[in-house]
Structures are given as structure tokens and as C-alpha cells.
Amino acid sequence: MISGARTIRIHGQDVPIVADVRNIDALSAHADADEILRWLKSGRIAPSRTFITHGERAAHRITKELGWTCVVPEQCQEATLN
């Protein structure tokens, strides 16, 4: 997706990518809650929702410390972004 693919294969089906996909080099895939919070606080505008995968502790802290709506998606959960 980062390289510009227009589709991605999920469960044997080609699904169009209709998102602006960005790579954030500042965080590793294993960033801890402190790193995630520090990065989120650097933003100028709070998002309407924040999605965190593999980070239930970070999600709790985001809600508690920043007052943001934070979602830890379940498997196969869908969300409409607007």
C-alpha cells in the first residue's frame, strides 16, 4: 500500500484502496504507550476518532489523558470514515 498499490487482496478478493496511506517512520510497530501519546500530542487538531490495534493500554490512556474517542477494533469490525 505504501508503494502505491491501488488494490489489496483480502480473503481472496481484490479490494480497492480508497485511503491516503502514509508511513510514520517516527514510531515502530512496537511503540509503547508513552511514545504513542507523545506523538499524538504533537498534532495540532484532535481527530474525531483514534483507532489503536495491539494497544489496549495506550487506548485507555489516550481516552483518559487526551479525552479523545479511542477505538480498539475487533476482528472484522468495519468503520465509516468521513
PDB file of N, CA and C in Angstrom:
ATOM      1  N   MET A   1       0.818  -1.181   0.000  1.00  0.00           N
ATOM      2  CA  MET A   1       0.000   0.000   0.000  1.00  0.00           C
ATOM      3  C   MET A   1       0.869   1.254   0.000  1.00  0.00           C
ATOM      4  N   ILE A   2       1.957   1.225   0.733  1.00  0.00           N
ATOM      5  CA  ILE A   2       2.842   2.381   0.775  1.00  0.00           C
ATOM      6  C   ILE A   2       3.447   2.640  -0.604  1.00  0.00           C
ATOM      7  N   SER A   3       3.690   1.573  -1.355  1.00  0.00           N
ATOM      8  CA  SER A   3       4.329   1.723  -2.665  1.00  0.00           C
ATOM      9  C   SER A   3       3.365   2.189  -3.753  1.00  0.00           C
ATOM     10  N   GLY A   4       2.090   2.405  -3.405  1.00  0.00           N
ATOM     11  CA  GLY A   4       1.147   2.953  -4.378  1.00  0.00           C
ATOM     12  C   GLY A   4       0.159   1.960  -4.956  1.00  0.00           C
ATOM     13  N   ALA A   5       0.041   0.767  -4.377  1.00  0.00           N
ATOM     14  CA  ALA A   5      -0.924  -0.219  -4.881  1.00  0.00           C
ATOM     15  C   ALA A   5      -2.329   0.373  -4.865  1.00  0.00           C
ATOM     16  N   ARG A   6      -3.117   0.028  -5.853  1.00  0.00           N
ATOM     17  CA  ARG A   6      -4.493   0.533  -5.928  1.00  0.00           C
ATOM     18  C   ARG A   6      -5.510  -0.449  -5.350  1.00  0.00           C
ATOM     19  N   THR A   7      -5.067  -1.713  -5.165  1.00  0.00           N
ATOM     20  CA  THR A   7      -5.919  -2.736  -4.551  1.00  0.00           C
ATOM     21  C   THR A   7      -5.076  -3.548  -3.584  1.00  0.00           C
ATOM     22  N   ILE A   8      -5.778  -4.255  -2.707  1.00  0.00           N
ATOM     23  CA  ILE A   8      -5.126  -5.177  -1.787  1.00  0.00           C
ATOM     24  C   ILE A   8      -5.992  -6.434  -1.729  1.00  0.00           C
ATOM     25  N   ARG A   9      -5.363  -7.593  -1.678  1.00  0.00           N
ATOM     26  CA  ARG A   9      -6.107  -8.856  -1.656  1.00  0.00           C
ATOM     27  C   ARG A   9      -6.398  -9.228  -0.208  1.00  0.00           C
ATOM     28  N   ILE A  10      -7.681  -9.349   0.108  1.00  0.00           N
ATOM     29  CA  ILE A  10      -8.123  -9.729   1.447  1.00  0.00           C
ATOM     30  C   ILE A  10      -9.073 -10.903   1.311  1.00  0.00           C
ATOM     31  N   HIS A  11      -8.728 -12.012   1.939  1.00  0.00           N
ATOM     32  CA  HIS A  11      -9.537 -13.238   1.878  1.00  0.00           C
ATOM     33  C   HIS A  11      -9.883 -13.611   0.440  1.00  0.00           C
ATOM     34  N   GLY A  12      -8.886 -13.486  -0.445  1.00  0.00           N
ATOM     35  CA  GLY A  12      -9.063 -13.916  -1.823  1.00  0.00           C
ATOM     36  C   GLY A  12      -9.770 -12.922  -2.725  1.00  0.00           C
ATOM     37  N   GLN A  13     -10.139 -11.757  -2.221  1.00  0.00           N
ATOM     38  CA  GLN A  13     -10.820 -10.748  -3.042  1.00  0.00           C
ATOM     39  C   GLN A  13      -9.952  -9.503  -3.160  1.00  0.00           C
ATOM     40  N   ASP A  14      -9.916  -8.937  -4.363  1.00  0.00           N
ATOM     41  CA  ASP A  14      -9.218  -7.672  -4.549  1.00  0.00           C
ATOM     42  C   ASP A  14     -10.112  -6.544  -4.068  1.00  0.00           C
ATOM     43  N   VAL A  15      -9.607  -5.779  -3.110  1.00  0.00           N
ATOM     44  CA  VAL A  15     -10.363  -4.683  -2.512  1.00  0.00           C
ATOM     45  C   VAL A  15      -9.670  -3.378  -2.890  1.00  0.00           C
ATOM     46  N   PRO A  16     -10.432  -2.412  -3.457  1.00  0.00           N
ATOM     47  CA  PRO A  16      -9.792  -1.149  -3.827  1.00  0.00           C
ATOM     48  C   PRO A  16      -9.343  -0.376  -2.589  1.00  0.00           C
ATOM     49  N   ILE A  17      -8.212   0.287  -2.712  1.00  0.00           N
ATOM     50  CA  ILE A  17      -7.709   1.132  -1.635  1.00  0.00           C
ATOM     51  C   ILE A  17      -8.208   2.544  -1.914  1.00  0.00           C
ATOM     52  N   VAL A  18      -9.072   3.028  -1.052  1.00  0.00           N
ATOM     53  CA  VAL A  18      -9.615   4.375  -1.196  1.00  0.00           C
ATOM     54  C   VAL A  18      -9.248   5.183   0.042  1.00  0.00           C
ATOM     55  N   ALA A  19      -7.948   5.198   0.329  1.00  0.00           N
ATOM     56  CA  ALA A  19      -7.442   5.890   1.512  1.00  0.00           C
ATOM     57  C   ALA A  19      -6.114   6.542   1.174  1.00  0.00           C
ATOM     58  N   ASP A  20      -5.797   7.565   1.906  1.00  0.00           N
ATOM     59  CA  ASP A  20      -4.487   8.179   1.819  1.00  0.00           C
ATOM     60  C   ASP A  20      -3.604   7.412   2.798  1.00  0.00           C
ATOM     61  N   VAL A  21      -2.726   6.569   2.300  1.00  0.00           N
ATOM     62  CA  VAL A  21      -1.910   5.683   3.140  1.00  0.00           C
ATOM     63  C   VAL A  21      -0.559   6.341   3.363  1.00  0.00           C
ATOM     64  N   ARG A  22      -0.192   6.474   4.632  1.00  0.00           N
ATOM     65  CA  ARG A  22       1.079   7.103   4.993  1.00  0.00           C
ATOM     66  C   ARG A  22       1.873   6.186   5.903  1.00  0.00           C
ATOM     67  N   ASN A  23       3.163   6.264   5.823  1.00  0.00           N
ATOM     68  CA  ASN A  23       4.054   5.534   6.703  1.00  0.00           C
ATOM     69  C   ASN A  23       4.631   6.521   7.712  1.00  0.00           C
ATOM     70  N   ILE A  24       4.523   6.211   8.983  1.00  0.00           N
ATOM     71  CA  ILE A  24       5.042   7.085  10.025  1.00  0.00           C
ATOM     72  C   ILE A  24       6.333   6.463  10.546  1.00  0.00           C
ATOM     73  N   ASP A  25       7.445   6.981  10.104  1.00  0.00           N
ATOM     74  CA  ASP A  25       8.747   6.430  10.484  1.00  0.00           C
ATOM     75  C   ASP A  25       9.105   6.722  11.933  1.00  0.00           C
ATOM     76  N   ALA A  26       8.419   7.674  12.553  1.00  0.00           N
ATOM     77  CA  ALA A  26       8.763   8.075  13.918  1.00  0.00           C
ATOM     78  C   ALA A  26       8.432   7.000  14.950  1.00  0.00           C
ATOM     79  N   LEU A  27       7.544   6.065  14.622  1.00  0.00           N
ATOM     80  CA  LEU A  27       7.140   5.029  15.560  1.00  0.00           C
ATOM     81  C   LEU A  27       7.390   3.657  14.961  1.00  0.00           C
ATOM     82  N   SER A  28       7.813   2.742  15.788  1.00  0.00           N
ATOM     83  CA  SER A  28       7.937   1.364  15.326  1.00  0.00           C
ATOM     84  C   SER A  28       6.584   0.685  15.508  1.00  0.00           C
ATOM     85  N   ALA A  29       6.460  -0.481  14.950  1.00  0.00           N
ATOM     86  CA  ALA A  29       5.222  -1.244  15.127  1.00  0.00           C
ATOM     87  C   ALA A  29       5.042  -1.667  16.578  1.00  0.00           C
ATOM     88  N   HIS A  30       6.102  -1.549  17.371  1.00  0.00           N
ATOM     89  CA  HIS A  30       6.049  -1.959  18.763  1.00  0.00           C
ATOM     90  C   HIS A  30       6.192  -0.770  19.715  1.00  0.00           C
ATOM     91  N   ALA A  31       5.765   0.409  19.270  1.00  0.00           N
ATOM     92  CA  ALA A  31       5.881   1.605  20.106  1.00  0.00           C
ATOM     93  C   ALA A  31       5.087   1.430  21.394  1.00  0.00           C
ATOM     94  N   ASP A  32       5.653   1.908  22.483  1.00  0.00           N
ATOM     95  CA  ASP A  32       4.930   1.785  23.736  1.00  0.00           C
ATOM     96  C   ASP A  32       3.959   2.959  23.912  1.00  0.00           C
ATOM     97  N   ALA A  33       3.156   2.889  24.945  1.00  0.00           N
ATOM     98  CA  ALA A  33       2.112   3.892  25.161  1.00  0.00           C
ATOM     99  C   ALA A  33       2.685   5.297  25.300  1.00  0.00           C
ATOM    100  N   ASP A  34       3.830   5.444  25.989  1.00  0.00           N
ATOM    101  CA  ASP A  34       4.433   6.770  26.140  1.00  0.00           C
ATOM    102  C   ASP A  34       4.810   7.369  24.791  1.00  0.00           C
ATOM    103  N   GLU A  35       5.403   6.558  23.913  1.00  0.00           N
ATOM    104  CA  GLU A  35       5.779   7.037  22.584  1.00  0.00           C
ATOM    105  C   GLU A  35       4.545   7.421  21.775  1.00  0.00           C
ATOM    106  N   ILE A  36       3.521   6.596  21.837  1.00  0.00           N
ATOM    107  CA  ILE A  36       2.291   6.880  21.083  1.00  0.00           C
ATOM    108  C   ILE A  36       1.662   8.178  21.577  1.00  0.00           C
ATOM    109  N   LEU A  37       1.542   8.338  22.887  1.00  0.00           N
ATOM    110  CA  LEU A  37       0.954   9.563  23.439  1.00  0.00           C
ATOM    111  C   LEU A  37       1.777  10.792  23.082  1.00  0.00           C
ATOM    112  N   ARG A  38       3.082  10.695  23.158  1.00  0.00           N
ATOM    113  CA  ARG A  38       3.951  11.820  22.811  1.00  0.00           C
ATOM    114  C   ARG A  38       3.721  12.231  21.357  1.00  0.00           C
ATOM    115  N   TRP A  39       3.632  11.248  20.461  1.00  0.00           N
ATOM    116  CA  TRP A  39       3.407  11.549  19.049  1.00  0.00           C
ATOM    117  C   TRP A  39       2.018  12.154  18.837  1.00  0.00           C
ATOM    118  N   LEU A  40       1.000  11.587  19.471  1.00  0.00           N
ATOM    119  CA  LEU A  40      -0.358  12.109  19.306  1.00  0.00           C
ATOM    120  C   LEU A  40      -0.481  13.541  19.818  1.00  0.00           C
ATOM    121  N   LYS A  41       0.155  13.845  20.929  1.00  0.00           N
ATOM    122  CA  LYS A  41       0.090  15.195  21.499  1.00  0.00           C
ATOM    123  C   LYS A  41       0.730  16.229  20.583  1.00  0.00           C
ATOM    124  N   SER A  42       1.605  15.809  19.688  1.00  0.00           N
ATOM    125  CA  SER A  42       2.285  16.754  18.798  1.00  0.00           C
ATOM    126  C   SER A  42       1.379  17.267  17.683  1.00  0.00           C
ATOM    127  N   GLY A  43       0.228  16.629  17.488  1.00  0.00           N
ATOM    128  CA  GLY A  43      -0.698  17.062  16.453  1.00  0.00           C
ATOM    129  C   GLY A  43      -1.392  18.359  16.831  1.00  0.00           C
ATOM    130  N   ARG A  44      -1.823  19.106  15.853  1.00  0.00           N
ATOM    131  CA  ARG A  44      -2.465  20.393  16.105  1.00  0.00           C
ATOM    132  C   ARG A  44      -3.967  20.274  16.333  1.00  0.00           C
ATOM    133  N   ILE A  45      -4.585  19.251  15.746  1.00  0.00           N
ATOM    134  CA  ILE A  45      -6.033  19.095  15.832  1.00  0.00           C
ATOM    135  C   ILE A  45      -6.343  17.677  16.303  1.00  0.00           C
ATOM    136  N   ALA A  46      -7.224  17.570  17.286  1.00  0.00           N
ATOM    137  CA  ALA A  46      -7.635  16.247  17.765  1.00  0.00           C
ATOM    138  C   ALA A  46      -8.509  15.574  16.705  1.00  0.00           C
ATOM    139  N   PRO A  47      -8.258  14.306  16.417  1.00  0.00           N
ATOM    140  CA  PRO A  47      -9.099  13.589  15.454  1.00  0.00           C
ATOM    141  C   PRO A  47     -10.466  13.277  16.055  1.00  0.00           C
ATOM    142  N   SER A  48     -11.449  13.010  15.188  1.00  0.00           N
ATOM    143  CA  SER A  48     -12.775  12.647  15.698  1.00  0.00           C
ATOM    144  C   SER A  48     -12.758  11.264  16.335  1.00  0.00           C
ATOM    145  N   ARG A  49     -11.885  10.376  15.842  1.00  0.00           N
ATOM    146  CA  ARG A  49     -11.687   9.048  16.428  1.00  0.00           C
ATOM    147  C   ARG A  49     -10.247   8.628  16.215  1.00  0.00           C
ATOM    148  N   THR A  50      -9.745   7.868  17.147  1.00  0.00           N
ATOM    149  CA  THR A  50      -8.408   7.308  17.040  1.00  0.00           C
ATOM    150  C   THR A  50      -8.537   5.796  17.119  1.00  0.00           C
ATOM    151  N   PHE A  51      -7.965   5.076  16.153  1.00  0.00           N
ATOM    152  CA  PHE A  51      -8.005   3.620  16.137  1.00  0.00           C
ATOM    153  C   PHE A  51      -6.641   3.086  16.548  1.00  0.00           C
ATOM    154  N   ILE A  52      -6.626   2.210  17.536  1.00  0.00           N
ATOM    155  CA  ILE A  52      -5.393   1.610  18.026  1.00  0.00           C
ATOM    156  C   ILE A  52      -5.534   0.092  17.948  1.00  0.00           C
ATOM    157  N   THR A  53      -4.599  -0.547  17.265  1.00  0.00           N
ATOM    158  CA  THR A  53      -4.580  -2.009  17.252  1.00  0.00           C
ATOM    159  C   THR A  53      -3.381  -2.471  18.065  1.00  0.00           C
ATOM    160  N   HIS A  54      -3.515  -3.549  18.765  1.00  0.00           N
ATOM    161  CA  HIS A  54      -2.458  -4.098  19.613  1.00  0.00           C
ATOM    162  C   HIS A  54      -1.989  -3.076  20.649  1.00  0.00           C
ATOM    163  N   GLY A  55      -2.920  -2.321  21.213  1.00  0.00           N
ATOM    164  CA  GLY A  55      -2.506  -1.314  22.181  1.00  0.00           C
ATOM    165  C   GLY A  55      -3.625  -0.899  23.108  1.00  0.00           C
ATOM    166  N   GLU A  56      -4.247  -1.874  23.759  1.00  0.00           N
ATOM    167  CA  GLU A  56      -5.369  -1.566  24.635  1.00  0.00           C
ATOM    168  C   GLU A  56      -4.976  -0.598  25.755  1.00  0.00           C
ATOM    169  N   ARG A  57      -3.771  -0.749  26.298  1.00  0.00           N
ATOM    170  CA  ARG A  57      -3.317   0.164  27.350  1.00  0.00           C
ATOM    171  C   ARG A  57      -3.178   1.579  26.813  1.00  0.00           C
ATOM    172  N   ALA A  58      -2.615   1.697  25.621  1.00  0.00           N
ATOM    173  CA  ALA A  58      -2.472   3.020  25.002  1.00  0.00           C
ATOM    174  C   ALA A  58      -3.838   3.627  24.737  1.00  0.00           C
ATOM    175  N   ALA A  59      -4.796   2.824  24.294  1.00  0.00           N
ATOM    176  CA  ALA A  59      -6.142   3.326  24.019  1.00  0.00           C
ATOM    177  C   ALA A  59      -6.774   3.889  25.279  1.00  0.00           C
ATOM    178  N   HIS A  60      -6.607   3.196  26.387  1.00  0.00           N
ATOM    179  CA  HIS A  60      -7.153   3.671  27.666  1.00  0.00           C
ATOM    180  C   HIS A  60      -6.513   5.004  28.048  1.00  0.00           C
ATOM    181  N   ARG A  61      -5.209   5.098  27.882  1.00  0.00           N
ATOM    182  CA  ARG A  61      -4.510   6.340  28.236  1.00  0.00           C
ATOM    183  C   ARG A  61      -4.894   7.490  27.309  1.00  0.00           C
ATOM    184  N   ILE A  62      -5.088   7.203  26.035  1.00  0.00           N
ATOM    185  CA  ILE A  62      -5.498   8.247  25.088  1.00  0.00           C
ATOM    186  C   ILE A  62      -6.834   8.833  25.515  1.00  0.00           C
ATOM    187  N   THR A  63      -7.771   7.968  25.871  1.00  0.00           N
ATOM    188  CA  THR A  63      -9.080   8.420  26.317  1.00  0.00           C
ATOM    189  C   THR A  63      -8.960   9.206  27.621  1.00  0.00           C
ATOM    190  N   LYS A  64      -8.213   8.674  28.572  1.00  0.00           N
ATOM    191  CA  LYS A  64      -8.102   9.293  29.889  1.00  0.00           C
ATOM    192  C   LYS A  64      -7.312  10.600  29.852  1.00  0.00           C
ATOM    193  N   GLU A  65      -6.145  10.597  29.199  1.00  0.00           N
ATOM    194  CA  GLU A  65      -5.249  11.746  29.247  1.00  0.00           C
ATOM    195  C   GLU A  65      -5.559  12.823  28.214  1.00  0.00           C
ATOM    196  N   LEU A  66      -6.051  12.418  27.034  1.00  0.00           N
ATOM    197  CA  LEU A  66      -6.319  13.390  25.983  1.00  0.00           C
ATOM    198  C   LEU A  66      -7.806  13.691  25.823  1.00  0.00           C
ATOM    199  N   GLY A  67      -8.657  12.811  26.375  1.00  0.00           N
ATOM    200  CA  GLY A  67     -10.093  12.993  26.233  1.00  0.00           C
ATOM    201  C   GLY A  67     -10.609  12.679  24.840  1.00  0.00           C
ATOM    202  N   TRP A  68      -9.827  11.927  24.075  1.00  0.00           N
ATOM    203  CA  TRP A  68     -10.212  11.586  22.705  1.00  0.00           C
ATOM    204  C   TRP A  68     -11.017  10.298  22.686  1.00  0.00           C
ATOM    205  N   THR A  69     -11.875  10.161  21.677  1.00  0.00           N
ATOM    206  CA  THR A  69     -12.562   8.902  21.430  1.00  0.00           C
ATOM    207  C   THR A  69     -11.543   7.949  20.818  1.00  0.00           C
ATOM    208  N   CYS A  70     -11.334   6.821  21.475  1.00  0.00           N
ATOM    209  CA  CYS A  70     -10.340   5.866  21.023  1.00  0.00           C
ATOM    210  C   CYS A  70     -10.996   4.498  20.867  1.00  0.00           C
ATOM    211  N   VAL A  71     -10.762   3.877  19.722  1.00  0.00           N
ATOM    212  CA  VAL A  71     -11.379   2.605  19.390  1.00  0.00           C
ATOM    213  C   VAL A  71     -10.305   1.539  19.242  1.00  0.00           C
ATOM    214  N   VAL A  72     -10.510   0.410  19.895  1.00  0.00           N
ATOM    215  CA  VAL A  72      -9.685  -0.777  19.673  1.00  0.00           C
ATOM    216  C   VAL A  72     -10.571  -1.724  18.872  1.00  0.00           C
ATOM    217  N   PRO A  73     -10.400  -1.779  17.544  1.00  0.00           N
ATOM    218  CA  PRO A  73     -11.312  -2.552  16.710  1.00  0.00           C
ATOM    219  C   PRO A  73     -11.247  -4.052  16.977  1.00  0.00           C
ATOM    220  N   GLU A  74     -12.401  -4.668  16.897  1.00  0.00           N
ATOM    221  CA  GLU A  74     -12.496  -6.125  16.975  1.00  0.00           C
ATOM    222  C   GLU A  74     -12.222  -6.697  15.592  1.00  0.00           C
ATOM    223  N   GLN A  75     -11.915  -7.978  15.519  1.00  0.00           N
ATOM    224  CA  GLN A  75     -11.686  -8.626  14.250  1.00  0.00           C
ATOM    225  C   GLN A  75     -12.926  -8.470  13.366  1.00  0.00           C
ATOM    226  N   CYS A  76     -12.728  -8.081  12.137  1.00  0.00           N
ATOM    227  CA  CYS A  76     -13.780  -7.891  11.121  1.00  0.00           C
ATOM    228  C   CYS A  76     -14.661  -6.656  11.381  1.00  0.00           C
ATOM    229  N   GLN A  77     -14.335  -5.855  12.357  1.00  0.00           N
ATOM    230  CA  GLN A  77     -15.106  -4.645  12.599  1.00  0.00           C
ATOM    231  C   GLN A  77     -14.898  -3.676  11.451  1.00  0.00           C
ATOM    232  N   GLU A  78     -15.969  -3.008  11.056  1.00  0.00           N
ATOM    233  CA  GLU A  78     -15.897  -2.016   9.994  1.00  0.00           C
ATOM    234  C   GLU A  78     -16.180  -0.646  10.558  1.00  0.00           C
ATOM    235  N   ALA A  79     -15.602   0.378   9.944  1.00  0.00           N
ATOM    236  CA  ALA A  79     -15.831   1.745  10.363  1.00  0.00           C
ATOM    237  C   ALA A  79     -15.966   2.619   9.126  1.00  0.00           C
ATOM    238  N   THR A  80     -16.880   3.532   9.152  1.00  0.00           N
ATOM    239  CA  THR A  80     -17.031   4.506   8.082  1.00  0.00           C
ATOM    240  C   THR A  80     -16.268   5.753   8.483  1.00  0.00           C
ATOM    241  N   LEU A  81     -15.338   6.158   7.640  1.00  0.00           N
ATOM    242  CA  LEU A  81     -14.533   7.347   7.897  1.00  0.00           C
ATOM    243  C   LEU A  81     -15.045   8.478   7.025  1.00  0.00           C
ATOM    244  N   ASN A  82     -15.177   9.640   7.631  1.00  0.00           N
ATOM    245  CA  ASN A  82     -15.626  10.789   6.843  1.00  0.00           C
ATOM    246  C   ASN A  82     -14.955  12.043   7.301  1.00  0.00           C
TER     247      ASN A  82
END
